Amino acid sequence: MTYEPDVRQRLERDAKEIIGRYPRPRSALLPMLHLVQSEDGYVTQRGVEFCAEMLGITPAQVMGVVTFYTQYKREPVGEYHVGVCTNTLCAVMGGDQIWDELSAHCGVGHDETTPDGKVSLERVECNAACDFAPVVMVNWEFFDNMTPEKAKQLVDDLRVGKDVLPSRGPNRLATWKEASRVLAGFPDGLAGEGVQAGPQSLVGLKIAQERGWTAPPAGADRERPDEPVKPGEVTDPPPNEPGKPIGGDVKPGSQEGRNK
């Protein structure tokens, strides 16, 4: 199955713009995959073939990338993709319980979509927002300090079409396809809206300001580590017995120095 002529023409125009940003065409593969995902909702076979043709590579090379990165989906995704962080801090703060209750509430598991096509769920390793744990993301927008009850209410509101706003970020929640187009490199103009950093993220800055701490200027002359080590500076370690420390003098920063 291939794209309809009008869709193909539009995708080619966008693809050429993406490819033009890079010195080598194949470097454009990551945003190109987001582009086809913004059209189909996931990376379809026709999307793989389109990327391969536009970039002059094989479909197998495209699939090697698709199967490596978790942001590229190989099955249909809901209009709102809900990612529950279950990494260390979020898990300690209740992320595992949020996942268990939300999955049972929706009747779907990891990378599965509700029958109405509105919501899909994913166990996310890290949402990069530990200071707001536990965190849930919807189409990569933050919903902070969540509880099982708040998470279930969130997906219920999404499924009935209520306006739902992220804790930080734009004043409108993009759909999955819209968010994929932004990741392809076509801004939606919403990047500067809403709260950009909450109080928890600014604690370190506040402490520094209270104590008069400042970062050294970029051009300041300061002590630097004795690296990288040039090939001619690496010394051969003297013979040693297994399990015994390496003796002799070794260059700081070399593998022998790290072993010692």
Protein backbone atom coordinates (compact mmCIF):
# COMPACT_ATOMS: atom_id res chain seq x y z
CA MET A 1 0.00 0.00 0.00
CA THR A 2 1.34 3.42 -0.96
CA TYR A 3 0.31 6.96 -0.10
CA GLU A 4 -2.37 8.70 -2.12
CA PRO A 5 -0.88 11.13 -4.66
CA ASP A 6 -1.87 14.27 -2.72
CA VAL A 7 -0.52 12.84 0.55
CA ARG A 8 2.66 11.69 -1.17
CA GLN A 9 3.19 15.15 -2.65
CA ARG A 10 2.77 16.80 0.75
CA LEU A 11 5.10 14.31 2.47
CA GLU A 12 7.74 14.74 -0.22
CA ARG A 13 7.66 18.51 0.21
CA ASP A 14 8.12 18.20 3.98
CA ALA A 15 10.74 15.46 3.60
CA LYS A 16 12.85 17.59 1.25
CA GLU A 17 12.76 20.42 3.77
CA ILE A 18 13.95 18.05 6.51
CA ILE A 19 16.68 16.53 4.34
CA GLY A 20 17.94 20.00 3.45
CA ARG A 21 18.87 20.59 7.10
CA TYR A 22 21.59 17.94 7.05
CA PRO A 23 24.90 17.56 5.18
CA ARG A 24 24.05 13.93 4.35
CA PRO A 25 20.51 12.77 3.50
CA ARG A 26 20.53 9.67 5.72
CA SER A 27 21.11 11.90 8.77
CA ALA A 28 17.50 13.03 8.34
CA LEU A 29 16.07 9.59 9.16
CA LEU A 30 15.00 10.30 12.76
CA PRO A 31 12.84 13.35 11.97
CA MET A 32 11.61 11.63 8.80
CA LEU A 33 10.23 8.80 10.90
CA HIS A 34 8.39 11.31 13.07
CA LEU A 35 7.02 12.82 9.87
CA VAL A 36 5.49 9.56 8.62
CA GLN A 37 4.29 8.85 12.15
CA SER A 38 2.48 12.20 12.11
CA GLU A 39 0.65 11.04 8.99
CA ASP A 40 -0.21 7.45 9.90
CA GLY A 41 -0.13 7.58 13.69
CA TYR A 42 2.65 4.99 13.75
CA VAL A 43 5.48 3.83 11.48
CA THR A 44 3.73 1.80 8.79
CA GLN A 45 5.36 -0.29 6.08
CA ARG A 46 4.57 2.41 3.53
CA GLY A 47 6.21 4.93 5.85
CA VAL A 48 9.35 2.77 6.03
CA GLU A 49 9.47 2.46 2.25
CA PHE A 50 8.92 6.20 1.81
CA CYS A 51 11.83 7.03 4.13
CA ALA A 52 14.09 4.51 2.43
CA GLU A 53 13.30 5.88 -1.03
CA MET A 54 13.75 9.52 -0.04
CA LEU A 55 17.04 8.89 1.74
CA GLY A 56 18.58 6.38 -0.63
CA ILE A 57 18.85 3.58 1.95
CA THR A 58 17.21 0.18 2.32
CA PRO A 59 13.97 -0.56 4.20
CA ALA A 60 16.03 -2.87 6.44
CA GLN A 61 18.23 0.05 7.46
CA VAL A 62 15.14 2.09 8.28
CA MET A 63 13.65 -0.74 10.34
CA GLY A 64 16.91 -1.08 12.26
CA VAL A 65 16.33 2.44 13.56
CA VAL A 66 12.57 2.03 14.08
CA THR A 67 13.07 -1.02 16.27
CA PHE A 68 15.81 0.66 18.33
CA TYR A 69 13.98 3.80 19.53
CA THR A 70 10.86 3.48 21.64
CA GLN A 71 9.33 6.76 20.39
CA TYR A 72 8.66 5.06 17.05
CA LYS A 73 5.58 2.86 17.27
CA ARG A 74 4.90 -0.13 15.05
CA GLU A 75 1.24 -0.50 15.99
CA PRO A 76 -1.55 2.11 16.00
CA VAL A 77 -1.30 4.55 18.91
CA GLY A 78 -4.16 6.35 20.63
CA GLU A 79 -4.98 9.97 19.94
CA TYR A 80 -3.47 10.56 23.38
CA HIS A 81 -0.47 8.44 24.30
CA VAL A 82 -0.07 8.24 28.07
CA GLY A 83 3.37 7.39 29.41
CA VAL A 84 3.67 6.43 33.08
CA CYS A 85 7.17 6.73 34.53
CA THR A 86 8.13 3.66 36.55
CA ASN A 87 11.84 4.38 36.91
CA THR A 88 13.49 4.53 40.32
CA LEU A 89 12.28 7.79 41.87
CA CYS A 90 8.83 7.76 40.30
CA ALA A 91 8.44 4.12 41.31
CA VAL A 92 9.38 4.91 44.91
CA MET A 93 6.88 7.78 44.89
CA GLY A 94 4.06 5.60 43.57
CA GLY A 95 4.65 5.19 39.83
CA ASP A 96 4.20 1.41 39.90
CA GLN A 97 0.87 1.76 41.65
CA ILE A 98 -0.24 4.40 39.17
CA TRP A 99 0.63 2.06 36.32
CA ASP A 100 -1.12 -0.94 37.84
CA GLU A 101 -4.34 0.93 38.60
CA LEU A 102 -4.37 2.88 35.33
CA SER A 103 -3.77 -0.23 33.24
CA ALA A 104 -6.58 -2.06 35.02
CA HIS A 105 -8.84 1.00 34.70
CA CYS A 106 -8.29 1.25 30.93
CA GLY A 107 -8.18 -2.48 30.29
CA VAL A 108 -4.98 -2.23 28.26
CA GLY A 109 -1.31 -2.89 28.89
CA HIS A 110 2.03 -1.58 27.70
CA ASP A 111 1.86 -0.08 24.17
CA GLU A 112 -1.79 -1.06 23.85
CA THR A 113 -4.70 1.18 22.85
CA THR A 114 -8.24 1.42 24.17
CA PRO A 115 -10.96 0.12 21.78
CA ASP A 116 -12.18 3.66 21.08
CA GLY A 117 -8.71 4.64 19.84
CA LYS A 118 -8.50 7.56 22.22
CA VAL A 119 -5.82 6.46 24.71
CA SER A 120 -2.78 4.20 24.62
CA LEU A 121 -0.51 3.39 27.56
CA GLU A 122 3.22 2.94 27.91
CA ARG A 123 5.53 2.13 30.80
CA VAL A 124 8.25 4.76 30.42
CA GLU A 125 11.72 4.26 31.87
CA CYS A 126 12.21 7.97 32.62
CA ASN A 127 10.17 11.08 31.89
CA ALA A 128 13.12 13.34 32.85
CA ALA A 129 11.17 15.13 35.57
CA CYS A 130 12.30 13.53 38.83
CA ASP A 131 11.70 16.74 40.78
CA PHE A 132 7.97 16.34 40.08
CA ALA A 133 7.70 12.59 40.71
CA PRO A 134 5.61 10.66 40.11
CA VAL A 135 5.12 11.95 36.57
CA VAL A 136 2.84 11.00 33.70
CA MET A 137 3.23 12.33 30.17
CA VAL A 138 0.54 12.71 27.52
CA ASN A 139 1.96 13.09 24.01
CA TRP A 140 5.23 14.12 25.72
CA GLU A 141 3.67 16.90 27.83
CA PHE A 142 4.14 16.79 31.62
CA PHE A 143 1.50 15.97 34.22
CA ASP A 144 3.29 16.31 37.54
CA ASN A 145 2.84 14.96 41.08
CA MET A 146 0.33 12.36 39.98
CA THR A 147 -1.70 9.86 41.99
CA PRO A 148 -3.66 6.83 40.77
CA GLU A 149 -6.89 8.78 41.16
CA LYS A 150 -5.60 11.78 39.21
CA ALA A 151 -4.23 9.53 36.47
CA LYS A 152 -7.54 7.71 36.05
CA GLN A 153 -9.44 10.98 35.94
CA LEU A 154 -6.97 12.26 33.35
CA VAL A 155 -7.60 9.41 30.91
CA ASP A 156 -11.36 9.57 31.52
CA ASP A 157 -11.32 13.26 30.59
CA LEU A 158 -9.23 12.56 27.49
CA ARG A 159 -11.59 9.84 26.32
CA VAL A 160 -14.69 12.06 26.54
CA GLY A 161 -13.01 15.04 24.88
CA LYS A 162 -12.60 17.39 27.82
CA ASP A 163 -9.94 20.10 27.62
CA VAL A 164 -6.94 18.87 29.56
CA LEU A 165 -3.89 21.06 30.18
CA PRO A 166 -0.41 19.86 31.19
CA SER A 167 1.17 20.97 34.45
CA ARG A 168 3.89 22.76 32.50
CA GLY A 169 3.92 23.68 28.86
CA PRO A 170 1.44 24.93 26.26
CA ASN A 171 -2.12 26.04 26.84
CA ARG A 172 -3.39 23.31 24.54
CA LEU A 173 -2.64 19.59 24.51
CA ALA A 174 -1.54 18.40 21.07
CA THR A 175 -2.75 15.12 19.65
CA TRP A 176 -0.28 12.30 19.05
CA LYS A 177 -0.03 13.10 15.34
CA GLU A 178 0.42 16.82 16.02
CA ALA A 179 3.17 16.11 18.55
CA SER A 180 4.89 13.81 16.05
CA ARG A 181 4.94 16.60 13.48
CA VAL A 182 6.58 18.92 16.00
CA LEU A 183 9.25 16.26 16.64
CA ALA A 184 9.79 16.10 12.88
CA GLY A 185 10.93 19.71 13.11
CA PHE A 186 7.79 21.69 12.25
CA PRO A 187 7.02 23.89 15.31
CA ASP A 188 3.40 24.51 16.27
CA GLY A 189 4.16 27.88 17.84
CA LEU A 190 3.31 26.70 21.36
CA ALA A 191 6.83 26.22 22.72
CA GLY A 192 6.83 29.46 24.73
CA GLU A 193 3.41 29.04 26.31
CA GLY A 194 2.70 28.15 29.93
CA VAL A 195 5.02 27.47 32.82
CA GLN A 196 8.49 26.52 31.59
CA ALA A 197 10.04 25.57 34.96
CA GLY A 198 8.18 24.91 38.19
CA PRO A 199 9.34 25.81 41.72
CA GLN A 200 10.98 22.43 42.29
CA SER A 201 13.23 22.89 39.25
CA LEU A 202 14.36 26.31 40.46
CA VAL A 203 15.42 25.33 44.00
CA GLY A 204 19.10 25.05 43.07
CA LEU A 205 19.06 28.46 41.37
CA LYS A 206 17.36 30.02 44.40
CA ILE A 207 19.97 28.61 46.80
CA ALA A 208 22.78 29.86 44.57
CA GLN A 209 21.30 33.34 44.46
CA GLU A 210 20.79 33.44 48.23
CA ARG A 211 24.43 32.42 48.83
CA GLY A 212 25.94 34.54 46.10
CA TRP A 213 27.20 31.60 44.10
CA THR A 214 28.03 32.24 40.46
CA ALA A 215 29.42 30.14 37.67
CA PRO A 216 32.88 31.06 36.35
CA PRO A 217 32.83 32.93 33.04
CA ALA A 218 33.19 30.78 29.96
CA GLY A 219 36.69 32.05 29.20
CA ALA A 220 38.03 31.79 32.75
CA ASP A 221 41.47 30.24 33.13
CA ARG A 222 41.07 27.33 35.51
CA GLU A 223 42.68 24.01 36.21
CA ARG A 224 41.68 21.35 33.77
CA PRO A 225 42.07 17.55 33.95
CA ASP A 226 45.16 16.16 32.25
CA GLU A 227 43.18 14.64 29.38
CA PRO A 228 42.86 13.56 26.69
CA VAL A 229 45.97 11.43 26.76
CA LYS A 230 47.95 11.44 23.54
CA PRO A 231 48.92 8.00 22.17
CA GLY A 232 52.63 8.62 22.73
CA GLU A 233 52.04 9.48 26.40
CA VAL A 234 50.47 6.17 27.38
CA THR A 235 52.99 3.99 29.18
CA ASP A 236 53.10 0.23 29.17
CA PRO A 237 52.34 -1.06 32.67
CA PRO A 238 55.01 -3.18 34.31
CA PRO A 239 54.27 -6.89 34.74
CA ASN A 240 52.03 -7.61 37.67
CA GLU A 241 50.30 -10.56 39.24
CA PRO A 242 46.55 -10.95 38.72
CA GLY A 243 44.61 -9.24 41.46
CA LYS A 244 47.57 -7.12 42.54
CA PRO A 245 47.74 -3.32 42.03
CA ILE A 246 49.70 -2.17 38.99
CA GLY A 247 53.02 -0.72 40.06
CA GLY A 248 55.25 1.92 38.48
CA ASP A 249 54.39 5.32 37.07
CA VAL A 250 51.44 5.66 34.75
CA LYS A 251 49.99 8.62 32.90
CA PRO A 252 46.93 10.14 34.65
CA GLY A 253 43.86 9.56 32.56
CA SER A 254 45.22 6.51 30.76
CA GLN A 255 43.52 3.14 31.05
CA GLU A 256 46.41 1.94 33.22
CA GLY A 257 45.96 4.96 35.47
CA ARG A 258 42.26 4.23 35.85
CA ASN A 259 43.01 0.59 36.61
CA LYS A 260 45.49 1.64 39.27
